[in-house]
N, C-alpha and C. Protein backbone atom coordinates (compact mmCIF):
# COMPACT_ATOMS: atom_id res chain seq x y z
N UNK A 1 -104.32 -31.02 -56.98
CA UNK A 1 -105.64 -31.57 -56.95
C UNK A 1 -106.65 -30.43 -57.14
N UNK A 2 -107.59 -30.59 -58.06
CA UNK A 2 -108.60 -29.57 -58.29
C UNK A 2 -109.65 -29.64 -57.19
N UNK A 3 -110.46 -28.60 -57.12
CA UNK A 3 -111.53 -28.56 -56.12
C UNK A 3 -112.46 -29.75 -56.24
N UNK A 4 -112.80 -30.10 -57.47
CA UNK A 4 -113.77 -31.18 -57.69
C UNK A 4 -113.20 -32.56 -57.31
N UNK A 5 -111.91 -32.63 -57.06
CA UNK A 5 -111.29 -33.88 -56.62
C UNK A 5 -111.12 -33.94 -55.10
N UNK A 6 -111.38 -32.84 -54.42
CA UNK A 6 -111.25 -32.79 -52.97
C UNK A 6 -112.37 -33.63 -52.33
N UNK A 7 -112.04 -34.51 -51.40
CA UNK A 7 -113.07 -35.36 -50.77
C UNK A 7 -114.20 -34.56 -50.11
N UNK A 8 -113.88 -33.44 -49.47
CA UNK A 8 -114.92 -32.64 -48.81
C UNK A 8 -115.88 -32.02 -49.83
N UNK A 9 -115.33 -31.61 -50.96
CA UNK A 9 -116.16 -31.04 -52.02
C UNK A 9 -117.04 -32.13 -52.63
N UNK A 10 -116.46 -33.28 -52.90
CA UNK A 10 -117.20 -34.40 -53.50
C UNK A 10 -118.36 -34.81 -52.59
N UNK A 11 -118.09 -34.91 -51.30
CA UNK A 11 -119.12 -35.29 -50.34
C UNK A 11 -120.25 -34.26 -50.30
N UNK A 12 -119.90 -32.99 -50.40
CA UNK A 12 -120.89 -31.92 -50.32
C UNK A 12 -121.78 -31.86 -51.56
N UNK A 13 -121.30 -32.36 -52.68
CA UNK A 13 -122.09 -32.32 -53.91
C UNK A 13 -122.85 -33.62 -54.17
N UNK A 14 -122.64 -34.61 -53.35
CA UNK A 14 -123.22 -35.94 -53.59
C UNK A 14 -124.74 -35.92 -53.77
N UNK A 15 -125.46 -35.14 -53.00
CA UNK A 15 -126.91 -35.16 -53.07
C UNK A 15 -127.52 -34.14 -54.01
N UNK A 16 -126.71 -33.38 -54.72
CA UNK A 16 -127.24 -32.34 -55.60
C UNK A 16 -127.79 -32.93 -56.90
N UNK A 17 -128.84 -32.32 -57.44
CA UNK A 17 -129.37 -32.76 -58.74
C UNK A 17 -128.32 -32.59 -59.83
N UNK A 18 -128.39 -33.42 -60.87
CA UNK A 18 -127.39 -33.40 -61.94
C UNK A 18 -127.28 -32.04 -62.62
N UNK A 19 -128.42 -31.38 -62.84
CA UNK A 19 -128.40 -30.07 -63.50
C UNK A 19 -127.63 -29.05 -62.66
N UNK A 20 -127.84 -29.08 -61.36
CA UNK A 20 -127.13 -28.17 -60.47
C UNK A 20 -125.65 -28.53 -60.40
N UNK A 21 -125.34 -29.83 -60.39
CA UNK A 21 -123.93 -30.25 -60.39
C UNK A 21 -123.22 -29.75 -61.64
N UNK A 22 -123.90 -29.80 -62.79
CA UNK A 22 -123.30 -29.35 -64.05
C UNK A 22 -123.03 -27.84 -64.00
N UNK A 23 -124.00 -27.08 -63.51
CA UNK A 23 -123.83 -25.62 -63.39
C UNK A 23 -122.68 -25.32 -62.43
N UNK A 24 -122.67 -26.00 -61.31
CA UNK A 24 -121.63 -25.79 -60.31
C UNK A 24 -120.26 -26.16 -60.87
N UNK A 25 -120.19 -27.25 -61.60
CA UNK A 25 -118.93 -27.69 -62.19
C UNK A 25 -118.38 -26.63 -63.14
N UNK A 26 -119.27 -26.01 -63.89
CA UNK A 26 -118.88 -24.94 -64.81
C UNK A 26 -118.27 -23.76 -64.05
N UNK A 27 -118.91 -23.38 -62.94
CA UNK A 27 -118.43 -22.26 -62.14
C UNK A 27 -117.09 -22.60 -61.48
N UNK A 28 -116.98 -23.82 -60.98
CA UNK A 28 -115.75 -24.25 -60.31
C UNK A 28 -114.58 -24.27 -61.29
N UNK A 29 -114.83 -24.71 -62.52
CA UNK A 29 -113.77 -24.72 -63.53
C UNK A 29 -113.19 -23.33 -63.72
N UNK A 30 -114.05 -22.30 -63.68
CA UNK A 30 -113.59 -20.93 -63.84
C UNK A 30 -112.72 -20.49 -62.66
N UNK A 31 -113.02 -21.02 -61.47
CA UNK A 31 -112.33 -20.59 -60.25
C UNK A 31 -111.09 -21.42 -59.92
N UNK A 32 -111.03 -22.65 -60.43
CA UNK A 32 -109.97 -23.59 -60.06
C UNK A 32 -108.57 -23.02 -60.22
N UNK A 33 -108.32 -22.37 -61.34
CA UNK A 33 -106.96 -21.92 -61.63
C UNK A 33 -106.63 -20.55 -61.04
N UNK A 34 -107.66 -19.83 -60.57
CA UNK A 34 -107.43 -18.48 -60.07
C UNK A 34 -107.01 -18.41 -58.61
N UNK A 35 -107.36 -19.43 -57.83
CA UNK A 35 -107.18 -19.31 -56.39
C UNK A 35 -106.38 -20.45 -55.80
N UNK A 36 -105.69 -20.12 -54.73
CA UNK A 36 -104.99 -21.11 -53.93
C UNK A 36 -105.96 -21.49 -52.81
N UNK A 37 -106.77 -22.51 -53.06
CA UNK A 37 -107.81 -22.91 -52.11
C UNK A 37 -107.18 -23.59 -50.90
N UNK A 38 -107.55 -23.16 -49.71
CA UNK A 38 -107.00 -23.81 -48.51
C UNK A 38 -107.56 -25.22 -48.37
N UNK A 39 -106.85 -26.05 -47.68
CA UNK A 39 -107.29 -27.43 -47.47
C UNK A 39 -108.17 -27.52 -46.22
N UNK A 40 -109.09 -26.61 -46.11
CA UNK A 40 -109.97 -26.55 -44.96
C UNK A 40 -111.28 -27.26 -45.31
N UNK A 41 -111.57 -28.35 -44.62
CA UNK A 41 -112.74 -29.16 -44.98
C UNK A 41 -114.04 -28.39 -44.78
N UNK A 42 -114.10 -27.52 -43.79
CA UNK A 42 -115.31 -26.74 -43.55
C UNK A 42 -115.57 -25.80 -44.73
N UNK A 43 -114.53 -25.13 -45.18
CA UNK A 43 -114.66 -24.20 -46.30
C UNK A 43 -115.00 -24.93 -47.60
N UNK A 44 -114.26 -25.98 -47.89
CA UNK A 44 -114.49 -26.73 -49.13
C UNK A 44 -115.86 -27.39 -49.14
N UNK A 45 -116.30 -27.85 -47.98
CA UNK A 45 -117.61 -28.48 -47.90
C UNK A 45 -118.75 -27.50 -48.10
N UNK A 46 -118.50 -26.23 -47.79
CA UNK A 46 -119.54 -25.21 -47.95
C UNK A 46 -119.62 -24.67 -49.37
N UNK A 47 -118.57 -24.82 -50.13
CA UNK A 47 -118.46 -24.23 -51.46
C UNK A 47 -119.62 -24.58 -52.40
N UNK A 48 -120.02 -25.83 -52.52
CA UNK A 48 -121.12 -26.15 -53.45
C UNK A 48 -122.43 -25.44 -53.10
N UNK A 49 -122.78 -25.44 -51.84
CA UNK A 49 -124.03 -24.79 -51.42
C UNK A 49 -123.95 -23.29 -51.65
N UNK A 50 -122.88 -22.69 -51.22
CA UNK A 50 -122.73 -21.24 -51.31
C UNK A 50 -122.75 -20.78 -52.77
N UNK A 51 -121.97 -21.41 -53.63
CA UNK A 51 -121.90 -20.99 -55.02
C UNK A 51 -123.18 -21.29 -55.79
N UNK A 52 -123.86 -22.36 -55.43
CA UNK A 52 -125.11 -22.68 -56.14
C UNK A 52 -126.26 -21.82 -55.68
N UNK A 53 -126.14 -21.19 -54.51
CA UNK A 53 -127.22 -20.36 -53.97
C UNK A 53 -127.02 -18.87 -54.21
N UNK A 54 -125.83 -18.43 -54.58
CA UNK A 54 -125.59 -16.99 -54.64
C UNK A 54 -124.77 -16.57 -55.86
N UNK A 55 -125.44 -15.97 -56.83
CA UNK A 55 -124.73 -15.38 -57.96
C UNK A 55 -123.92 -14.17 -57.50
N UNK A 56 -124.41 -13.46 -56.48
CA UNK A 56 -123.69 -12.31 -55.94
C UNK A 56 -122.30 -12.71 -55.47
N UNK A 57 -122.22 -13.80 -54.72
CA UNK A 57 -120.93 -14.25 -54.20
C UNK A 57 -119.99 -14.59 -55.36
N UNK A 58 -120.50 -15.32 -56.33
CA UNK A 58 -119.68 -15.70 -57.48
C UNK A 58 -119.19 -14.47 -58.25
N UNK A 59 -120.07 -13.50 -58.50
CA UNK A 59 -119.67 -12.28 -59.21
C UNK A 59 -118.64 -11.48 -58.42
N UNK A 60 -118.82 -11.41 -57.11
CA UNK A 60 -117.87 -10.66 -56.28
C UNK A 60 -116.50 -11.32 -56.30
N UNK A 61 -116.47 -12.63 -56.24
CA UNK A 61 -115.20 -13.37 -56.32
C UNK A 61 -114.52 -13.08 -57.65
N UNK A 62 -115.28 -13.09 -58.73
CA UNK A 62 -114.72 -12.86 -60.06
C UNK A 62 -114.24 -11.42 -60.25
N UNK A 63 -114.93 -10.46 -59.62
CA UNK A 63 -114.57 -9.04 -59.76
C UNK A 63 -113.40 -8.63 -58.87
N UNK A 64 -113.24 -9.30 -57.74
CA UNK A 64 -112.19 -8.92 -56.80
C UNK A 64 -111.38 -10.15 -56.39
N UNK A 65 -110.72 -10.80 -57.35
CA UNK A 65 -110.02 -12.05 -57.04
C UNK A 65 -108.89 -11.91 -56.00
N UNK A 66 -108.14 -10.81 -56.05
CA UNK A 66 -107.06 -10.65 -55.08
C UNK A 66 -107.62 -10.49 -53.67
N UNK A 67 -108.68 -9.71 -53.56
CA UNK A 67 -109.29 -9.51 -52.24
C UNK A 67 -109.89 -10.83 -51.72
N UNK A 68 -110.50 -11.61 -52.61
CA UNK A 68 -111.06 -12.89 -52.19
C UNK A 68 -109.94 -13.84 -51.76
N UNK A 69 -108.83 -13.85 -52.47
CA UNK A 69 -107.70 -14.70 -52.08
C UNK A 69 -107.20 -14.32 -50.69
N UNK A 70 -107.19 -13.04 -50.39
CA UNK A 70 -106.79 -12.60 -49.06
C UNK A 70 -107.78 -13.12 -48.00
N UNK A 71 -109.07 -13.08 -48.30
CA UNK A 71 -110.07 -13.64 -47.38
C UNK A 71 -109.81 -15.12 -47.14
N UNK A 72 -109.46 -15.84 -48.20
CA UNK A 72 -109.15 -17.27 -48.07
C UNK A 72 -107.90 -17.48 -47.22
N UNK A 73 -106.86 -16.73 -47.54
CA UNK A 73 -105.58 -16.89 -46.83
C UNK A 73 -105.71 -16.58 -45.34
N UNK A 74 -106.50 -15.58 -45.02
CA UNK A 74 -106.66 -15.16 -43.63
C UNK A 74 -107.82 -15.88 -42.93
N UNK A 75 -108.48 -16.76 -43.66
CA UNK A 75 -109.61 -17.54 -43.14
C UNK A 75 -110.70 -16.66 -42.53
N UNK A 76 -110.92 -15.51 -43.15
CA UNK A 76 -111.91 -14.55 -42.68
C UNK A 76 -113.32 -15.14 -42.75
N UNK A 77 -113.57 -15.96 -43.76
CA UNK A 77 -114.91 -16.52 -43.93
C UNK A 77 -115.32 -17.44 -42.78
N UNK A 78 -114.35 -17.96 -42.07
CA UNK A 78 -114.64 -18.93 -41.01
C UNK A 78 -114.98 -18.29 -39.67
N UNK A 79 -114.75 -16.98 -39.55
CA UNK A 79 -114.94 -16.31 -38.27
C UNK A 79 -116.02 -15.24 -38.36
N UNK A 80 -116.83 -15.10 -37.30
CA UNK A 80 -117.79 -13.98 -37.29
C UNK A 80 -117.04 -12.66 -37.10
N UNK A 81 -117.65 -11.58 -37.58
CA UNK A 81 -117.04 -10.26 -37.38
C UNK A 81 -117.13 -9.88 -35.91
N UNK A 82 -116.09 -9.25 -35.41
CA UNK A 82 -116.12 -8.75 -34.04
C UNK A 82 -116.77 -7.37 -34.02
N UNK A 83 -117.27 -6.97 -32.87
CA UNK A 83 -117.90 -5.66 -32.71
C UNK A 83 -116.90 -4.57 -33.05
N UNK A 84 -117.31 -3.63 -33.87
CA UNK A 84 -116.46 -2.50 -34.25
C UNK A 84 -115.54 -2.78 -35.43
N UNK A 85 -115.52 -4.01 -35.93
CA UNK A 85 -114.59 -4.38 -36.99
C UNK A 85 -114.81 -3.55 -38.26
N UNK A 86 -116.07 -3.41 -38.69
CA UNK A 86 -116.33 -2.71 -39.95
C UNK A 86 -115.90 -1.25 -39.88
N UNK A 87 -116.25 -0.57 -38.81
CA UNK A 87 -115.88 0.84 -38.68
C UNK A 87 -114.36 1.00 -38.64
N UNK A 88 -113.70 0.18 -37.85
CA UNK A 88 -112.24 0.25 -37.75
C UNK A 88 -111.59 -0.03 -39.11
N UNK A 89 -112.07 -1.03 -39.80
CA UNK A 89 -111.49 -1.39 -41.10
C UNK A 89 -111.70 -0.28 -42.12
N UNK A 90 -112.93 0.25 -42.18
CA UNK A 90 -113.21 1.33 -43.13
C UNK A 90 -112.37 2.57 -42.82
N UNK A 91 -112.24 2.91 -41.57
CA UNK A 91 -111.43 4.07 -41.21
C UNK A 91 -109.97 3.88 -41.58
N UNK A 92 -109.50 2.66 -41.52
CA UNK A 92 -108.12 2.35 -41.91
C UNK A 92 -107.95 2.39 -43.42
N UNK A 93 -108.95 1.90 -44.15
CA UNK A 93 -108.84 1.79 -45.60
C UNK A 93 -109.04 3.11 -46.34
N UNK A 94 -109.76 4.06 -45.73
CA UNK A 94 -110.06 5.31 -46.42
C UNK A 94 -109.23 6.44 -45.81
N UNK A 95 -108.42 7.07 -46.65
CA UNK A 95 -107.55 8.15 -46.19
C UNK A 95 -108.39 9.33 -45.71
N UNK A 96 -107.86 10.03 -44.73
CA UNK A 96 -108.55 11.19 -44.14
C UNK A 96 -108.84 12.24 -45.21
N UNK A 97 -107.92 12.42 -46.14
CA UNK A 97 -108.08 13.45 -47.18
C UNK A 97 -108.65 12.90 -48.49
N UNK A 98 -109.28 11.74 -48.44
CA UNK A 98 -109.85 11.13 -49.65
C UNK A 98 -110.98 12.00 -50.20
N UNK A 99 -111.04 12.07 -51.53
CA UNK A 99 -112.14 12.83 -52.13
C UNK A 99 -113.39 11.95 -52.20
N UNK A 100 -114.49 12.55 -52.58
CA UNK A 100 -115.78 11.86 -52.59
C UNK A 100 -115.76 10.60 -53.45
N UNK A 101 -115.12 10.68 -54.61
CA UNK A 101 -115.05 9.53 -55.51
C UNK A 101 -114.30 8.36 -54.88
N UNK A 102 -113.19 8.66 -54.23
CA UNK A 102 -112.40 7.61 -53.55
C UNK A 102 -113.20 6.98 -52.42
N UNK A 103 -113.90 7.81 -51.66
CA UNK A 103 -114.70 7.29 -50.55
C UNK A 103 -115.78 6.36 -51.07
N UNK A 104 -116.47 6.78 -52.13
CA UNK A 104 -117.54 5.95 -52.71
C UNK A 104 -116.99 4.61 -53.22
N UNK A 105 -115.87 4.66 -53.93
CA UNK A 105 -115.27 3.43 -54.47
C UNK A 105 -114.88 2.46 -53.36
N UNK A 106 -114.22 3.00 -52.33
CA UNK A 106 -113.77 2.13 -51.25
C UNK A 106 -114.93 1.59 -50.44
N UNK A 107 -115.94 2.41 -50.20
CA UNK A 107 -117.14 1.93 -49.51
C UNK A 107 -117.81 0.80 -50.29
N UNK A 108 -117.89 0.96 -51.60
CA UNK A 108 -118.51 -0.07 -52.45
C UNK A 108 -117.69 -1.36 -52.44
N UNK A 109 -116.38 -1.23 -52.60
CA UNK A 109 -115.51 -2.42 -52.58
C UNK A 109 -115.63 -3.16 -51.25
N UNK A 110 -115.52 -2.39 -50.17
CA UNK A 110 -115.57 -3.01 -48.84
C UNK A 110 -116.94 -3.63 -48.58
N UNK A 111 -118.00 -2.90 -48.92
CA UNK A 111 -119.36 -3.43 -48.72
C UNK A 111 -119.53 -4.78 -49.43
N UNK A 112 -119.07 -4.87 -50.67
CA UNK A 112 -119.22 -6.12 -51.42
C UNK A 112 -118.46 -7.28 -50.76
N UNK A 113 -117.25 -7.01 -50.29
CA UNK A 113 -116.48 -8.08 -49.64
C UNK A 113 -117.10 -8.47 -48.29
N UNK A 114 -117.54 -7.48 -47.54
CA UNK A 114 -118.17 -7.78 -46.25
C UNK A 114 -119.48 -8.54 -46.47
N UNK A 115 -120.25 -8.14 -47.47
CA UNK A 115 -121.50 -8.84 -47.78
C UNK A 115 -121.22 -10.27 -48.25
N UNK A 116 -120.14 -10.45 -48.99
CA UNK A 116 -119.74 -11.80 -49.40
C UNK A 116 -119.51 -12.66 -48.16
N UNK A 117 -118.77 -12.15 -47.20
CA UNK A 117 -118.48 -12.91 -45.97
C UNK A 117 -119.75 -13.19 -45.18
N UNK A 118 -120.58 -12.18 -45.03
CA UNK A 118 -121.83 -12.34 -44.26
C UNK A 118 -122.73 -13.36 -44.95
N UNK A 119 -122.89 -13.23 -46.26
CA UNK A 119 -123.74 -14.16 -47.01
C UNK A 119 -123.16 -15.58 -46.99
N UNK A 120 -121.85 -15.71 -47.14
CA UNK A 120 -121.21 -17.04 -47.14
C UNK A 120 -121.51 -17.74 -45.82
N UNK A 121 -121.27 -17.03 -44.72
CA UNK A 121 -121.48 -17.63 -43.39
C UNK A 121 -122.96 -18.01 -43.19
N UNK A 122 -123.85 -17.17 -43.71
CA UNK A 122 -125.28 -17.44 -43.59
C UNK A 122 -125.67 -18.67 -44.42
N UNK A 123 -125.29 -18.68 -45.69
CA UNK A 123 -125.66 -19.79 -46.57
C UNK A 123 -125.01 -21.11 -46.15
N UNK A 124 -123.81 -21.03 -45.60
CA UNK A 124 -123.12 -22.25 -45.15
C UNK A 124 -123.71 -22.79 -43.85
N UNK A 125 -124.54 -21.98 -43.19
CA UNK A 125 -125.15 -22.41 -41.93
C UNK A 125 -124.25 -22.21 -40.73
N UNK A 126 -123.23 -21.38 -40.87
CA UNK A 126 -122.29 -21.15 -39.77
C UNK A 126 -122.72 -20.00 -38.88
N UNK A 127 -123.62 -19.16 -39.37
CA UNK A 127 -124.03 -17.97 -38.62
C UNK A 127 -125.49 -18.10 -38.21
N UNK A 128 -125.76 -17.67 -37.01
CA UNK A 128 -127.15 -17.61 -36.56
C UNK A 128 -127.82 -16.42 -37.22
N UNK A 129 -129.13 -16.38 -37.15
CA UNK A 129 -129.86 -15.24 -37.68
C UNK A 129 -129.42 -13.96 -36.96
N UNK A 130 -129.24 -14.06 -35.66
CA UNK A 130 -128.80 -12.90 -34.87
C UNK A 130 -127.44 -12.39 -35.35
N UNK A 131 -126.49 -13.31 -35.58
CA UNK A 131 -125.17 -12.89 -36.06
C UNK A 131 -125.27 -12.21 -37.41
N UNK A 132 -126.08 -12.77 -38.31
CA UNK A 132 -126.23 -12.20 -39.64
C UNK A 132 -126.79 -10.78 -39.56
N UNK A 133 -127.85 -10.60 -38.79
CA UNK A 133 -128.44 -9.26 -38.66
C UNK A 133 -127.51 -8.28 -37.96
N UNK A 134 -126.79 -8.73 -36.95
CA UNK A 134 -125.83 -7.86 -36.26
C UNK A 134 -124.74 -7.40 -37.22
N UNK A 135 -124.23 -8.33 -38.02
CA UNK A 135 -123.18 -7.99 -38.99
C UNK A 135 -123.69 -7.01 -40.04
N UNK A 136 -124.90 -7.25 -40.54
CA UNK A 136 -125.48 -6.35 -41.54
C UNK A 136 -125.72 -4.96 -40.96
N UNK A 137 -126.24 -4.91 -39.75
CA UNK A 137 -126.51 -3.63 -39.10
C UNK A 137 -125.21 -2.86 -38.86
N UNK A 138 -124.21 -3.56 -38.35
CA UNK A 138 -122.95 -2.89 -38.07
C UNK A 138 -122.28 -2.41 -39.36
N UNK A 139 -122.37 -3.19 -40.42
CA UNK A 139 -121.81 -2.77 -41.71
C UNK A 139 -122.51 -1.51 -42.20
N UNK A 140 -123.84 -1.48 -42.12
CA UNK A 140 -124.59 -0.30 -42.56
C UNK A 140 -124.24 0.93 -41.73
N UNK A 141 -124.20 0.77 -40.42
CA UNK A 141 -123.88 1.90 -39.54
C UNK A 141 -122.47 2.42 -39.78
N UNK A 142 -121.52 1.52 -39.96
CA UNK A 142 -120.13 1.93 -40.21
C UNK A 142 -120.02 2.65 -41.56
N UNK A 143 -120.71 2.15 -42.56
CA UNK A 143 -120.68 2.77 -43.89
C UNK A 143 -121.26 4.18 -43.84
N UNK A 144 -122.37 4.33 -43.14
CA UNK A 144 -122.99 5.65 -43.01
C UNK A 144 -122.07 6.61 -42.27
N UNK A 145 -121.49 6.14 -41.18
CA UNK A 145 -120.59 6.99 -40.39
C UNK A 145 -119.39 7.46 -41.23
N UNK A 146 -118.77 6.55 -41.96
CA UNK A 146 -117.61 6.91 -42.77
C UNK A 146 -118.02 7.86 -43.90
N UNK A 147 -119.17 7.60 -44.50
CA UNK A 147 -119.64 8.49 -45.57
C UNK A 147 -119.93 9.88 -45.03
N UNK A 148 -120.56 9.97 -43.88
CA UNK A 148 -120.85 11.28 -43.27
C UNK A 148 -119.57 12.00 -42.89
N UNK A 149 -118.61 11.27 -42.32
CA UNK A 149 -117.33 11.88 -41.96
C UNK A 149 -116.61 12.42 -43.18
N UNK A 150 -116.73 11.71 -44.30
CA UNK A 150 -116.11 12.14 -45.54
C UNK A 150 -116.79 13.35 -46.16
N UNK A 151 -118.07 13.53 -45.86
CA UNK A 151 -118.83 14.64 -46.41
C UNK A 151 -118.57 15.95 -45.67
N UNK A 152 -117.98 15.84 -44.49
CA UNK A 152 -117.77 17.05 -43.69
C UNK A 152 -116.45 17.71 -44.00
């Protein structure tokens, strides 16, 4: 069953203007065959709003499909980040002896995926303003710390 045939997706698109539905349908067609979408009604119901509101999310999904599939499989989008998560994850992902280029690439990749999750939760209405700002602040602080550690 394609995404557009899922009852939760259909219900979520019911009130959208035809022009937006057409644009969304085009984007969904591109994603349908690339991902193993979970049968999670909360996630599927959020998809139309999130994709129609954020080109950034759509581009990130298209640029990092394997990483996005992992987010889907682990249901990362459904949970808020815990305190210290970004710093711990970045420290795990970046080798101690990584050169400047590797650090920059990994920081960029991780930032985009973390921003995708933060934006998704915000646009879907699952995160409070406080949660969104806390996640953004912690991501920025962790990125700076890892970059500074790599520069030393």
